[in-house]
Amino acid sequence: MSAAPKVLPFPQRPRPMAQVTLWDGRSRPDEDALRADLTAQGYQVVAWKSAPAEGFPPHLHIYPELMWLLRGSLTIILPAEDRLLELAPGDRVALPAGLVHGTMAGAEGAAYLLATR
């Protein structure tokens, strides 16, 4: 009689989490300076605008994504955490690859830098 096969446990992986950095509020965000900083860090950067109440339903990417808000407001929807993040001008959020997220612009719309590596 042969022994029952040993069942190996599925490896535990850290859960991807959004990382928010709030603006210090001393000055308005300068698009050119922020773009230069992101480019120096190896990001590819595009400017993105969303009309009031425009957004994207929950989705994920195979690459990390960073959003840095320039004007307006932007809500980041994180279904797995049952959480909403409200970004104001200057705030940024780093979303790791594989994190399900959505977005919704506020009443004034949103203008932000969208950066990927």
PDB file of N, CA and C in Angstrom:
ATOM      1  N   MET A   1       0.816  -1.171   0.000  1.00  0.00           N
ATOM      2  CA  MET A   1       0.000   0.000   0.000  1.00  0.00           C
ATOM      3  C   MET A   1       0.869   1.248   0.000  1.00  0.00           C
ATOM      4  N   SER A   2       0.557   2.205  -0.877  1.00  0.00           N
ATOM      5  CA  SER A   2       1.366   3.414  -0.930  1.00  0.00           C
ATOM      6  C   SER A   2       0.781   4.491  -0.016  1.00  0.00           C
ATOM      7  N   ALA A   3       1.656   5.352   0.455  1.00  0.00           N
ATOM      8  CA  ALA A   3       1.229   6.427   1.350  1.00  0.00           C
ATOM      9  C   ALA A   3       0.461   7.485   0.549  1.00  0.00           C
ATOM     10  N   ALA A   4      -0.437   8.161   1.214  1.00  0.00           N
ATOM     11  CA  ALA A   4      -1.205   9.235   0.567  1.00  0.00           C
ATOM     12  C   ALA A   4      -0.248  10.355   0.172  1.00  0.00           C
ATOM     13  N   PRO A   5      -0.486  10.963  -0.983  1.00  0.00           N
ATOM     14  CA  PRO A   5       0.411  12.055  -1.394  1.00  0.00           C
ATOM     15  C   PRO A   5       0.330  13.223  -0.412  1.00  0.00           C
ATOM     16  N   LYS A   6       1.458  13.865  -0.204  1.00  0.00           N
ATOM     17  CA  LYS A   6       1.518  15.010   0.699  1.00  0.00           C
ATOM     18  C   LYS A   6       0.974  16.237  -0.042  1.00  0.00           C
ATOM     19  N   VAL A   7       0.073  16.942   0.581  1.00  0.00           N
ATOM     20  CA  VAL A   7      -0.501  18.154  -0.003  1.00  0.00           C
ATOM     21  C   VAL A   7       0.328  19.344   0.464  1.00  0.00           C
ATOM     22  N   LEU A   8       0.842  20.077  -0.487  1.00  0.00           N
ATOM     23  CA  LEU A   8       1.650  21.250  -0.152  1.00  0.00           C
ATOM     24  C   LEU A   8       0.740  22.470  -0.018  1.00  0.00           C
ATOM     25  N   PRO A   9       0.992  23.304   0.962  1.00  0.00           N
ATOM     26  CA  PRO A   9       0.164  24.504   1.116  1.00  0.00           C
ATOM     27  C   PRO A   9       0.463  25.508  -0.002  1.00  0.00           C
ATOM     28  N   PHE A  10      -0.566  26.269  -0.358  1.00  0.00           N
ATOM     29  CA  PHE A  10      -0.385  27.326  -1.348  1.00  0.00           C
ATOM     30  C   PHE A  10       0.472  28.419  -0.724  1.00  0.00           C
ATOM     31  N   PRO A  11       1.472  28.935  -1.448  1.00  0.00           N
ATOM     32  CA  PRO A  11       2.354  29.951  -0.840  1.00  0.00           C
ATOM     33  C   PRO A  11       1.581  31.226  -0.486  1.00  0.00           C
ATOM     34  N   GLN A  12       1.902  31.777   0.654  1.00  0.00           N
ATOM     35  CA  GLN A  12       1.292  33.039   1.078  1.00  0.00           C
ATOM     36  C   GLN A  12       2.018  34.193   0.401  1.00  0.00           C
ATOM     37  N   ARG A  13       1.261  35.098  -0.155  1.00  0.00           N
ATOM     38  CA  ARG A  13       1.838  36.274  -0.804  1.00  0.00           C
ATOM     39  C   ARG A  13       1.276  37.523  -0.135  1.00  0.00           C
ATOM     40  N   PRO A  14       2.111  38.558  -0.028  1.00  0.00           N
ATOM     41  CA  PRO A  14       1.584  39.783   0.565  1.00  0.00           C
ATOM     42  C   PRO A  14       0.495  40.368  -0.340  1.00  0.00           C
ATOM     43  N   ARG A  15      -0.530  40.893   0.268  1.00  0.00           N
ATOM     44  CA  ARG A  15      -1.640  41.490  -0.463  1.00  0.00           C
ATOM     45  C   ARG A  15      -1.217  42.868  -0.981  1.00  0.00           C
ATOM     46  N   PRO A  16      -1.432  43.149  -2.276  1.00  0.00           N
ATOM     47  CA  PRO A  16      -1.049  44.472  -2.777  1.00  0.00           C
ATOM     48  C   PRO A  16      -1.898  45.558  -2.122  1.00  0.00           C
ATOM     49  N   MET A  17      -1.285  46.663  -1.783  1.00  0.00           N
ATOM     50  CA  MET A  17      -1.974  47.765  -1.100  1.00  0.00           C
ATOM     51  C   MET A  17      -1.664  49.084  -1.793  1.00  0.00           C
ATOM     52  N   ALA A  18      -2.641  49.948  -1.842  1.00  0.00           N
ATOM     53  CA  ALA A  18      -2.433  51.303  -2.358  1.00  0.00           C
ATOM     54  C   ALA A  18      -1.611  52.087  -1.343  1.00  0.00           C
ATOM     55  N   GLN A  19      -0.749  52.954  -1.862  1.00  0.00           N
ATOM     56  CA  GLN A  19       0.086  53.783  -1.001  1.00  0.00           C
ATOM     57  C   GLN A  19      -0.208  55.246  -1.329  1.00  0.00           C
ATOM     58  N   VAL A  20      -0.763  55.970  -0.371  1.00  0.00           N
ATOM     59  CA  VAL A  20      -1.171  57.361  -0.575  1.00  0.00           C
ATOM     60  C   VAL A  20      -0.153  58.296   0.055  1.00  0.00           C
ATOM     61  N   THR A  21       0.194  59.352  -0.673  1.00  0.00           N
ATOM     62  CA  THR A  21       1.046  60.411  -0.140  1.00  0.00           C
ATOM     63  C   THR A  21       0.268  61.713  -0.256  1.00  0.00           C
ATOM     64  N   LEU A  22       0.007  62.351   0.891  1.00  0.00           N
ATOM     65  CA  LEU A  22      -0.746  63.601   0.903  1.00  0.00           C
ATOM     66  C   LEU A  22       0.180  64.784   0.639  1.00  0.00           C
ATOM     67  N   TRP A  23      -0.340  65.772  -0.073  1.00  0.00           N
ATOM     68  CA  TRP A  23       0.407  66.987  -0.392  1.00  0.00           C
ATOM     69  C   TRP A  23       0.618  67.792   0.880  1.00  0.00           C
ATOM     70  N   ASP A  24       1.755  68.496   0.985  1.00  0.00           N
ATOM     71  CA  ASP A  24       2.043  69.264   2.196  1.00  0.00           C
ATOM     72  C   ASP A  24       1.256  70.573   2.271  1.00  0.00           C
ATOM     73  N   GLY A  25       0.640  70.995   1.173  1.00  0.00           N
ATOM     74  CA  GLY A  25      -0.221  72.173   1.191  1.00  0.00           C
ATOM     75  C   GLY A  25       0.468  73.509   1.139  1.00  0.00           C
ATOM     76  N   ARG A  26       1.777  73.537   1.023  1.00  0.00           N
ATOM     77  CA  ARG A  26       2.494  74.821   1.021  1.00  0.00           C
ATOM     78  C   ARG A  26       2.353  75.581  -0.294  1.00  0.00           C
ATOM     79  N   SER A  27       2.206  74.862  -1.383  1.00  0.00           N
ATOM     80  CA  SER A  27       2.076  75.511  -2.698  1.00  0.00           C
ATOM     81  C   SER A  27       1.216  74.626  -3.587  1.00  0.00           C
ATOM     82  N   ARG A  28       0.812  75.166  -4.720  1.00  0.00           N
ATOM     83  CA  ARG A  28       0.038  74.374  -5.672  1.00  0.00           C
ATOM     84  C   ARG A  28       0.977  73.428  -6.404  1.00  0.00           C
ATOM     85  N   PRO A  29       0.489  72.242  -6.776  1.00  0.00           N
ATOM     86  CA  PRO A  29       1.355  71.313  -7.517  1.00  0.00           C
ATOM     87  C   PRO A  29       1.753  71.895  -8.873  1.00  0.00           C
ATOM     88  N   ASP A  30       3.033  71.807  -9.204  1.00  0.00           N
ATOM     89  CA  ASP A  30       3.555  72.299 -10.476  1.00  0.00           C
ATOM     90  C   ASP A  30       3.720  71.109 -11.420  1.00  0.00           C
ATOM     91  N   GLU A  31       2.911  71.084 -12.476  1.00  0.00           N
ATOM     92  CA  GLU A  31       2.899  69.937 -13.379  1.00  0.00           C
ATOM     93  C   GLU A  31       4.268  69.635 -13.971  1.00  0.00           C
ATOM     94  N   ASP A  32       4.984  70.660 -14.413  1.00  0.00           N
ATOM     95  CA  ASP A  32       6.288  70.430 -15.033  1.00  0.00           C
ATOM     96  C   ASP A  32       7.293  69.840 -14.044  1.00  0.00           C
ATOM     97  N   ALA A  33       7.292  70.340 -12.818  1.00  0.00           N
ATOM     98  CA  ALA A  33       8.217  69.838 -11.804  1.00  0.00           C
ATOM     99  C   ALA A  33       7.874  68.392 -11.426  1.00  0.00           C
ATOM    100  N   LEU A  34       6.583  68.102 -11.266  1.00  0.00           N
ATOM    101  CA  LEU A  34       6.176  66.739 -10.922  1.00  0.00           C
ATOM    102  C   LEU A  34       6.519  65.770 -12.049  1.00  0.00           C
ATOM    103  N   ARG A  35       6.271  66.193 -13.292  1.00  0.00           N
ATOM    104  CA  ARG A  35       6.585  65.347 -14.451  1.00  0.00           C
ATOM    105  C   ARG A  35       8.094  65.072 -14.512  1.00  0.00           C
ATOM    106  N   ALA A  36       8.908  66.097 -14.278  1.00  0.00           N
ATOM    107  CA  ALA A  36      10.367  65.920 -14.299  1.00  0.00           C
ATOM    108  C   ALA A  36      10.814  64.954 -13.204  1.00  0.00           C
ATOM    109  N   ASP A  37      10.209  65.077 -12.016  1.00  0.00           N
ATOM    110  CA  ASP A  37      10.550  64.183 -10.907  1.00  0.00           C
ATOM    111  C   ASP A  37      10.202  62.738 -11.247  1.00  0.00           C
ATOM    112  N   LEU A  38       9.014  62.507 -11.790  1.00  0.00           N
ATOM    113  CA  LEU A  38       8.594  61.149 -12.138  1.00  0.00           C
ATOM    114  C   LEU A  38       9.461  60.562 -13.257  1.00  0.00           C
ATOM    115  N   THR A  39       9.775  61.374 -14.251  1.00  0.00           N
ATOM    116  CA  THR A  39      10.608  60.918 -15.362  1.00  0.00           C
ATOM    117  C   THR A  39      11.998  60.530 -14.857  1.00  0.00           C
ATOM    118  N   ALA A  40      12.536  61.325 -13.932  1.00  0.00           N
ATOM    119  CA  ALA A  40      13.850  61.018 -13.359  1.00  0.00           C
ATOM    120  C   ALA A  40      13.830  59.700 -12.584  1.00  0.00           C
ATOM    121  N   GLN A  41      12.660  59.317 -12.063  1.00  0.00           N
ATOM    122  CA  GLN A  41      12.522  58.054 -11.334  1.00  0.00           C
ATOM    123  C   GLN A  41      12.242  56.869 -12.264  1.00  0.00           C
ATOM    124  N   GLY A  42      12.231  57.126 -13.585  1.00  0.00           N
ATOM    125  CA  GLY A  42      12.045  56.041 -14.537  1.00  0.00           C
ATOM    126  C   GLY A  42      10.610  55.792 -14.968  1.00  0.00           C
ATOM    127  N   TYR A  43       9.696  56.706 -14.634  1.00  0.00           N
ATOM    128  CA  TYR A  43       8.306  56.549 -15.038  1.00  0.00           C
ATOM    129  C   TYR A  43       8.083  57.109 -16.440  1.00  0.00           C
ATOM    130  N   GLN A  44       7.119  56.536 -17.133  1.00  0.00           N
ATOM    131  CA  GLN A  44       6.576  57.130 -18.350  1.00  0.00           C
ATOM    132  C   GLN A  44       5.313  57.858 -17.912  1.00  0.00           C
ATOM    133  N   VAL A  45       5.191  59.130 -18.287  1.00  0.00           N
ATOM    134  CA  VAL A  45       4.155  59.992 -17.731  1.00  0.00           C
ATOM    135  C   VAL A  45       3.270  60.561 -18.833  1.00  0.00           C
ATOM    136  N   VAL A  46       1.963  60.539 -18.598  1.00  0.00           N
ATOM    137  CA  VAL A  46       1.004  61.210 -19.479  1.00  0.00           C
ATOM    138  C   VAL A  46       0.091  62.067 -18.611  1.00  0.00           C
ATOM    139  N   ALA A  47      -0.362  63.186 -19.165  1.00  0.00           N
ATOM    140  CA  ALA A  47      -1.359  64.017 -18.494  1.00  0.00           C
ATOM    141  C   ALA A  47      -2.730  63.459 -18.837  1.00  0.00           C
ATOM    142  N   TRP A  48      -3.608  63.380 -17.847  1.00  0.00           N
ATOM    143  CA  TRP A  48      -4.936  62.807 -18.042  1.00  0.00           C
ATOM    144  C   TRP A  48      -5.967  63.734 -17.422  1.00  0.00           C
ATOM    145  N   LYS A  49      -7.104  63.875 -18.093  1.00  0.00           N
ATOM    146  CA  LYS A  49      -8.210  64.680 -17.564  1.00  0.00           C
ATOM    147  C   LYS A  49      -9.472  63.848 -17.582  1.00  0.00           C
ATOM    148  N   SER A  50     -10.260  64.005 -16.540  1.00  0.00           N
ATOM    149  CA  SER A  50     -11.569  63.363 -16.465  1.00  0.00           C
ATOM    150  C   SER A  50     -12.612  64.448 -16.222  1.00  0.00           C
ATOM    151  N   ALA A  51     -13.711  64.375 -16.950  1.00  0.00           N
ATOM    152  CA  ALA A  51     -14.819  65.316 -16.783  1.00  0.00           C
ATOM    153  C   ALA A  51     -15.498  65.065 -15.433  1.00  0.00           C
ATOM    154  N   PRO A  52     -16.298  66.021 -14.940  1.00  0.00           N
ATOM    155  CA  PRO A  52     -17.019  65.794 -13.690  1.00  0.00           C
ATOM    156  C   PRO A  52     -17.792  64.473 -13.707  1.00  0.00           C
ATOM    157  N   ALA A  53     -17.661  63.722 -12.635  1.00  0.00           N
ATOM    158  CA  ALA A  53     -18.341  62.435 -12.437  1.00  0.00           C
ATOM    159  C   ALA A  53     -17.943  61.366 -13.453  1.00  0.00           C
ATOM    160  N   GLU A  54     -16.871  61.569 -14.180  1.00  0.00           N
ATOM    161  CA  GLU A  54     -16.380  60.556 -15.123  1.00  0.00           C
ATOM    162  C   GLU A  54     -15.390  59.649 -14.389  1.00  0.00           C
ATOM    163  N   GLY A  55     -15.403  58.383 -14.747  1.00  0.00           N
ATOM    164  CA  GLY A  55     -14.487  57.474 -14.090  1.00  0.00           C
ATOM    165  C   GLY A  55     -14.294  56.186 -14.854  1.00  0.00           C
ATOM    166  N   PHE A  56     -13.584  55.280 -14.225  1.00  0.00           N
ATOM    167  CA  PHE A  56     -13.317  53.959 -14.787  1.00  0.00           C
ATOM    168  C   PHE A  56     -13.774  52.918 -13.777  1.00  0.00           C
ATOM    169  N   PRO A  57     -14.488  51.880 -14.236  1.00  0.00           N
ATOM    170  CA  PRO A  57     -14.927  50.837 -13.314  1.00  0.00           C
ATOM    171  C   PRO A  57     -13.727  50.053 -12.793  1.00  0.00           C
ATOM    172  N   PRO A  58     -13.930  49.293 -11.721  1.00  0.00           N
ATOM    173  CA  PRO A  58     -12.820  48.519 -11.163  1.00  0.00           C
ATOM    174  C   PRO A  58     -12.140  47.634 -12.210  1.00  0.00           C
ATOM    175  N   HIS A  59     -10.818  47.678 -12.189  1.00  0.00           N
ATOM    176  CA  HIS A  59      -9.978  46.934 -13.133  1.00  0.00           C
ATOM    177  C   HIS A  59      -8.605  46.763 -12.482  1.00  0.00           C
ATOM    178  N   LEU A  60      -7.718  46.052 -13.140  1.00  0.00           N
ATOM    179  CA  LEU A  60      -6.347  45.930 -12.642  1.00  0.00           C
ATOM    180  C   LEU A  60      -5.386  45.973 -13.812  1.00  0.00           C
ATOM    181  N   HIS A  61      -4.123  46.192 -13.485  1.00  0.00           N
ATOM    182  CA  HIS A  61      -3.057  46.240 -14.480  1.00  0.00           C
ATOM    183  C   HIS A  61      -1.974  45.234 -14.104  1.00  0.00           C
ATOM    184  N   ILE A  62      -1.195  44.844 -15.077  1.00  0.00           N
ATOM    185  CA  ILE A  62      -0.065  43.948 -14.804  1.00  0.00           C
ATOM    186  C   ILE A  62       1.197  44.750 -14.478  1.00  0.00           C
ATOM    187  N   TYR A  63       1.057  46.046 -14.374  1.00  0.00           N
ATOM    188  CA  TYR A  63       2.171  46.949 -14.074  1.00  0.00           C
ATOM    189  C   TYR A  63       1.734  47.908 -12.961  1.00  0.00           C
ATOM    190  N   PRO A  64       2.691  48.462 -12.216  1.00  0.00           N
ATOM    191  CA  PRO A  64       2.326  49.459 -11.206  1.00  0.00           C
ATOM    192  C   PRO A  64       1.916  50.774 -11.873  1.00  0.00           C
ATOM    193  N   GLU A  65       1.067  51.511 -11.184  1.00  0.00           N
ATOM    194  CA  GLU A  65       0.545  52.771 -11.720  1.00  0.00           C
ATOM    195  C   GLU A  65       0.571  53.810 -10.610  1.00  0.00           C
ATOM    196  N   LEU A  66       0.885  55.050 -10.974  1.00  0.00           N
ATOM    197  CA  LEU A  66       0.894  56.142 -10.017  1.00  0.00           C
ATOM    198  C   LEU A  66       0.040  57.272 -10.574  1.00  0.00           C
ATOM    199  N   MET A  67      -0.829  57.838  -9.757  1.00  0.00           N
ATOM    200  CA  MET A  67      -1.645  58.984 -10.155  1.00  0.00           C
ATOM    201  C   MET A  67      -1.330  60.141  -9.214  1.00  0.00           C
ATOM    202  N   TRP A  68      -0.986  61.301  -9.807  1.00  0.00           N
ATOM    203  CA  TRP A  68      -0.647  62.486  -9.029  1.00  0.00           C
ATOM    204  C   TRP A  68      -1.609  63.585  -9.450  1.00  0.00           C
ATOM    205  N   LEU A  69      -2.507  63.967  -8.548  1.00  0.00           N
ATOM    206  CA  LEU A  69      -3.579  64.905  -8.866  1.00  0.00           C
ATOM    207  C   LEU A  69      -3.066  66.332  -8.953  1.00  0.00           C
ATOM    208  N   LEU A  70      -3.420  67.010 -10.044  1.00  0.00           N
ATOM    209  CA  LEU A  70      -3.023  68.400 -10.261  1.00  0.00           C
ATOM    210  C   LEU A  70      -4.146  69.369  -9.918  1.00  0.00           C
ATOM    211  N   ARG A  71      -5.371  69.071 -10.385  1.00  0.00           N
ATOM    212  CA  ARG A  71      -6.529  69.939 -10.170  1.00  0.00           C
ATOM    213  C   ARG A  71      -7.784  69.094  -9.987  1.00  0.00           C
ATOM    214  N   GLY A  72      -8.762  69.673  -9.271  1.00  0.00           N
ATOM    215  CA  GLY A  72     -10.026  68.987  -9.060  1.00  0.00           C
ATOM    216  C   GLY A  72      -9.922  67.985  -7.924  1.00  0.00           C
ATOM    217  N   SER A  73     -10.722  66.927  -8.016  1.00  0.00           N
ATOM    218  CA  SER A  73     -10.666  65.858  -7.009  1.00  0.00           C
ATOM    219  C   SER A  73     -10.886  64.524  -7.708  1.00  0.00           C
ATOM    220  N   LEU A  74     -10.345  63.478  -7.112  1.00  0.00           N
ATOM    221  CA  LEU A  74     -10.427  62.147  -7.693  1.00  0.00           C
ATOM    222  C   LEU A  74     -10.603  61.129  -6.573  1.00  0.00           C
ATOM    223  N   THR A  75     -11.613  60.299  -6.718  1.00  0.00           N
ATOM    224  CA  THR A  75     -11.834  59.223  -5.751  1.00  0.00           C
ATOM    225  C   THR A  75     -11.292  57.930  -6.342  1.00  0.00           C
ATOM    226  N   ILE A  76     -10.465  57.251  -5.570  1.00  0.00           N
ATOM    227  CA  ILE A  76      -9.942  55.942  -5.948  1.00  0.00           C
ATOM    228  C   ILE A  76     -10.801  54.900  -5.239  1.00  0.00           C
ATOM    229  N   ILE A  77     -11.344  53.970  -6.002  1.00  0.00           N
ATOM    230  CA  ILE A  77     -12.224  52.937  -5.478  1.00  0.00           C
ATOM    231  C   ILE A  77     -11.409  51.655  -5.319  1.00  0.00           C
ATOM    232  N   LEU A  78     -11.389  51.113  -4.106  1.00  0.00           N
ATOM    233  CA  LEU A  78     -10.635  49.889  -3.808  1.00  0.00           C
ATOM    234  C   LEU A  78     -11.615  48.824  -3.302  1.00  0.00           C
ATOM    235  N   PRO A  79     -12.219  48.061  -4.225  1.00  0.00           N
ATOM    236  CA  PRO A  79     -13.255  47.095  -3.825  1.00  0.00           C
ATOM    237  C   PRO A  79     -12.777  46.026  -2.846  1.00  0.00           C
ATOM    238  N   ALA A  80     -11.574  45.509  -3.010  1.00  0.00           N
ATOM    239  CA  ALA A  80     -11.094  44.433  -2.139  1.00  0.00           C
ATOM    240  C   ALA A  80     -10.944  44.903  -0.694  1.00  0.00           C
ATOM    241  N   GLU A  81     -10.700  46.200  -0.507  1.00  0.00           N
ATOM    242  CA  GLU A  81     -10.543  46.765   0.836  1.00  0.00           C
ATOM    243  C   GLU A  81     -11.831  47.426   1.311  1.00  0.00           C
ATOM    244  N   ASP A  82     -12.860  47.460   0.440  1.00  0.00           N
ATOM    245  CA  ASP A  82     -14.114  48.130   0.746  1.00  0.00           C
ATOM    246  C   ASP A  82     -13.828  49.559   1.222  1.00  0.00           C
ATOM    247  N   ARG A  83     -13.009  50.264   0.392  1.00  0.00           N
ATOM    248  CA  ARG A  83     -12.511  51.577   0.794  1.00  0.00           C
ATOM    249  C   ARG A  83     -12.497  52.533  -0.391  1.00  0.00           C
ATOM    250  N   LEU A  84     -12.720  53.811  -0.095  1.00  0.00           N
ATOM    251  CA  LEU A  84     -12.598  54.883  -1.076  1.00  0.00           C
ATOM    252  C   LEU A  84     -11.515  55.834  -0.589  1.00  0.00           C
ATOM    253  N   LEU A  85     -10.667  56.300  -1.521  1.00  0.00           N
ATOM    254  CA  LEU A  85      -9.638  57.287  -1.201  1.00  0.00           C
ATOM    255  C   LEU A  85      -9.958  58.558  -1.972  1.00  0.00           C
ATOM    256  N   GLU A  86     -10.103  59.666  -1.288  1.00  0.00           N
ATOM    257  CA  GLU A  86     -10.400  60.946  -1.929  1.00  0.00           C
ATOM    258  C   GLU A  86      -9.101  61.736  -2.054  1.00  0.00           C
ATOM    259  N   LEU A  87      -8.669  61.999  -3.292  1.00  0.00           N
ATOM    260  CA  LEU A  87      -7.436  62.751  -3.524  1.00  0.00           C
ATOM    261  C   LEU A  87      -7.762  64.212  -3.815  1.00  0.00           C
ATOM    262  N   ALA A  88      -6.973  65.114  -3.234  1.00  0.00           N
ATOM    263  CA  ALA A  88      -7.054  66.550  -3.485  1.00  0.00           C
ATOM    264  C   ALA A  88      -5.803  66.954  -4.270  1.00  0.00           C
ATOM    265  N   PRO A  89      -5.765  68.163  -4.849  1.00  0.00           N
ATOM    266  CA  PRO A  89      -4.592  68.573  -5.618  1.00  0.00           C
ATOM    267  C   PRO A  89      -3.286  68.391  -4.847  1.00  0.00           C
ATOM    268  N   GLY A  90      -2.335  67.749  -5.503  1.00  0.00           N
ATOM    269  CA  GLY A  90      -1.028  67.468  -4.925  1.00  0.00           C
ATOM    270  C   GLY A  90      -0.916  66.076  -4.333  1.00  0.00           C
ATOM    271  N   ASP A  91      -2.045  65.475  -3.958  1.00  0.00           N
ATOM    272  CA  ASP A  91      -2.007  64.114  -3.405  1.00  0.00           C
ATOM    273  C   ASP A  91      -1.687  63.126  -4.516  1.00  0.00           C
ATOM    274  N   ARG A  92      -1.093  62.018  -4.134  1.00  0.00           N
ATOM    275  CA  ARG A  92      -0.797  60.974  -5.116  1.00  0.00           C
ATOM    276  C   ARG A  92      -1.080  59.602  -4.519  1.00  0.00           C
ATOM    277  N   VAL A  93      -1.338  58.663  -5.406  1.00  0.00           N
ATOM    278  CA  VAL A  93      -1.554  57.288  -4.981  1.00  0.00           C
ATOM    279  C   VAL A  93      -0.731  56.373  -5.875  1.00  0.00           C
ATOM    280  N   ALA A  94      -0.021  55.443  -5.257  1.00  0.00           N
ATOM    281  CA  ALA A  94       0.741  54.423  -5.979  1.00  0.00           C
ATOM    282  C   ALA A  94      -0.040  53.117  -5.871  1.00  0.00           C
ATOM    283  N   LEU A  95      -0.355  52.532  -7.017  1.00  0.00           N
ATOM    284  CA  LEU A  95      -1.131  51.298  -7.073  1.00  0.00           C
ATOM    285  C   LEU A  95      -0.235  50.186  -7.606  1.00  0.00           C
ATOM    286  N   PRO A  96       0.029  49.168  -6.806  1.00  0.00           N
ATOM    287  CA  PRO A  96       0.885  48.086  -7.283  1.00  0.00           C
ATOM    288  C   PRO A  96       0.198  47.247  -8.350  1.00  0.00           C
ATOM    289  N   ALA A  97       0.978  46.550  -9.130  1.00  0.00           N
ATOM    290  CA  ALA A  97       0.431  45.639 -10.143  1.00  0.00           C
ATOM    291  C   ALA A  97      -0.510  44.649  -9.470  1.00  0.00           C
ATOM    292  N   GLY A  98      -1.630  44.384 -10.123  1.00  0.00           N
ATOM    293  CA  GLY A  98      -2.569  43.397  -9.623  1.00  0.00           C
ATOM    294  C   GLY A  98      -3.596  43.916  -8.639  1.00  0.00           C
ATOM    295  N   LEU A  99      -3.544  45.188  -8.266  1.00  0.00           N
ATOM    296  CA  LEU A  99      -4.515  45.741  -7.326  1.00  0.00           C
ATOM    297  C   LEU A  99      -5.757  46.205  -8.084  1.00  0.00           C
ATOM    298  N   VAL A 100      -6.908  45.647  -7.746  1.00  0.00           N
ATOM    299  CA  VAL A 100      -8.159  46.063  -8.389  1.00  0.00           C
ATOM    300  C   VAL A 100      -8.531  47.447  -7.869  1.00  0.00           C
ATOM    301  N   HIS A 101      -8.785  48.369  -8.809  1.00  0.00           N
ATOM    302  CA  HIS A 101      -9.121  49.749  -8.454  1.00  0.00           C
ATOM    303  C   HIS A 101      -9.997  50.358  -9.530  1.00  0.00           C
ATOM    304  N   GLY A 102     -10.722  51.384  -9.159  1.00  0.00           N
ATOM    305  CA  GLY A 102     -11.504  52.183 -10.099  1.00  0.00           C
ATOM    306  C   GLY A 102     -11.302  53.643  -9.749  1.00  0.00           C
ATOM    307  N   THR A 103     -11.830  54.541 -10.576  1.00  0.00           N
ATOM    308  CA  THR A 103     -11.713  55.969 -10.300  1.00  0.00           C
ATOM    309  C   THR A 103     -13.037  56.668 -10.584  1.00  0.00           C
ATOM    310  N   MET A 104     -13.217  57.836  -9.945  1.00  0.00           N
ATOM    311  CA  MET A 104     -14.364  58.698 -10.203  1.00  0.00           C
ATOM    312  C   MET A 104     -13.926  60.132  -9.926  1.00  0.00           C
ATOM    313  N   ALA A 105     -14.044  60.996 -10.954  1.00  0.00           N
ATOM    314  CA  ALA A 105     -13.688  62.401 -10.788  1.00  0.00           C
ATOM    315  C   ALA A 105     -14.775  63.112  -9.986  1.00  0.00           C
ATOM    316  N   GLY A 106     -14.386  64.157  -9.295  1.00  0.00           N
ATOM    317  CA  GLY A 106     -15.322  64.944  -8.491  1.00  0.00           C
ATOM    318  C   GLY A 106     -16.141  65.904  -9.326  1.00  0.00           C
ATOM    319  N   ALA A 107     -16.851  66.804  -8.662  1.00  0.00           N
ATOM    320  CA  ALA A 107     -17.784  67.736  -9.297  1.00  0.00           C
ATOM    321  C   ALA A 107     -17.096  68.699 -10.262  1.00  0.00           C
ATOM    322  N   GLU A 108     -15.817  68.982 -10.045  1.00  0.00           N
ATOM    323  CA  GLU A 108     -15.063  69.885 -10.931  1.00  0.00           C
ATOM    324  C   GLU A 108     -14.218  69.117 -11.935  1.00  0.00           C
ATOM    325  N   GLY A 109     -14.325  67.800 -11.962  1.00  0.00           N
ATOM    326  CA  GLY A 109     -13.466  66.989 -12.811  1.00  0.00           C
ATOM    327  C   GLY A 109     -12.136  66.763 -12.123  1.00  0.00           C
ATOM    328  N   ALA A 110     -11.195  66.217 -12.876  1.00  0.00           N
ATOM    329  CA  ALA A 110      -9.871  65.934 -12.317  1.00  0.00           C
ATOM    330  C   ALA A 110      -8.826  66.014 -13.433  1.00  0.00           C
ATOM    331  N   ALA A 111      -7.698  66.597 -13.102  1.00  0.00           N
ATOM    332  CA  ALA A 111      -6.535  66.601 -13.993  1.00  0.00           C
ATOM    333  C   ALA A 111      -5.387  66.009 -13.204  1.00  0.00           C
ATOM    334  N   TYR A 112      -4.725  65.016 -13.776  1.00  0.00           N
ATOM    335  CA  TYR A 112      -3.668  64.352 -13.029  1.00  0.00           C
ATOM    336  C   TYR A 112      -2.617  63.776 -13.969  1.00  0.00           C
ATOM    337  N   LEU A 113      -1.470  63.496 -13.396  1.00  0.00           N
ATOM    338  CA  LEU A 113      -0.416  62.795 -14.118  1.00  0.00           C
ATOM    339  C   LEU A 113      -0.595  61.308 -13.847  1.00  0.00           C
ATOM    340  N   LEU A 114      -0.549  60.532 -14.907  1.00  0.00           N
ATOM    341  CA  LEU A 114      -0.666  59.086 -14.828  1.00  0.00           C
ATOM    342  C   LEU A 114       0.694  58.524 -15.223  1.00  0.00           C
ATOM    343  N   ALA A 115       1.326  57.811 -14.310  1.00  0.00           N
ATOM    344  CA  ALA A 115       2.701  57.341 -14.531  1.00  0.00           C
ATOM    345  C   ALA A 115       2.788  55.846 -14.353  1.00  0.00           C
ATOM    346  N   THR A 116       3.538  55.210 -15.251  1.00  0.00           N
ATOM    347  CA  THR A 116       3.757  53.765 -15.188  1.00  0.00           C
ATOM    348  C   THR A 116       5.240  53.473 -15.413  1.00  0.00           C
ATOM    349  N   ARG A 117       5.655  52.295 -14.969  1.00  0.00           N
ATOM    350  CA  ARG A 117       7.037  51.848 -15.210  1.00  0.00           C
ATOM    351  C   ARG A 117       6.981  50.572 -16.015  1.00  0.00           C
TER     352      ARG A 117
END
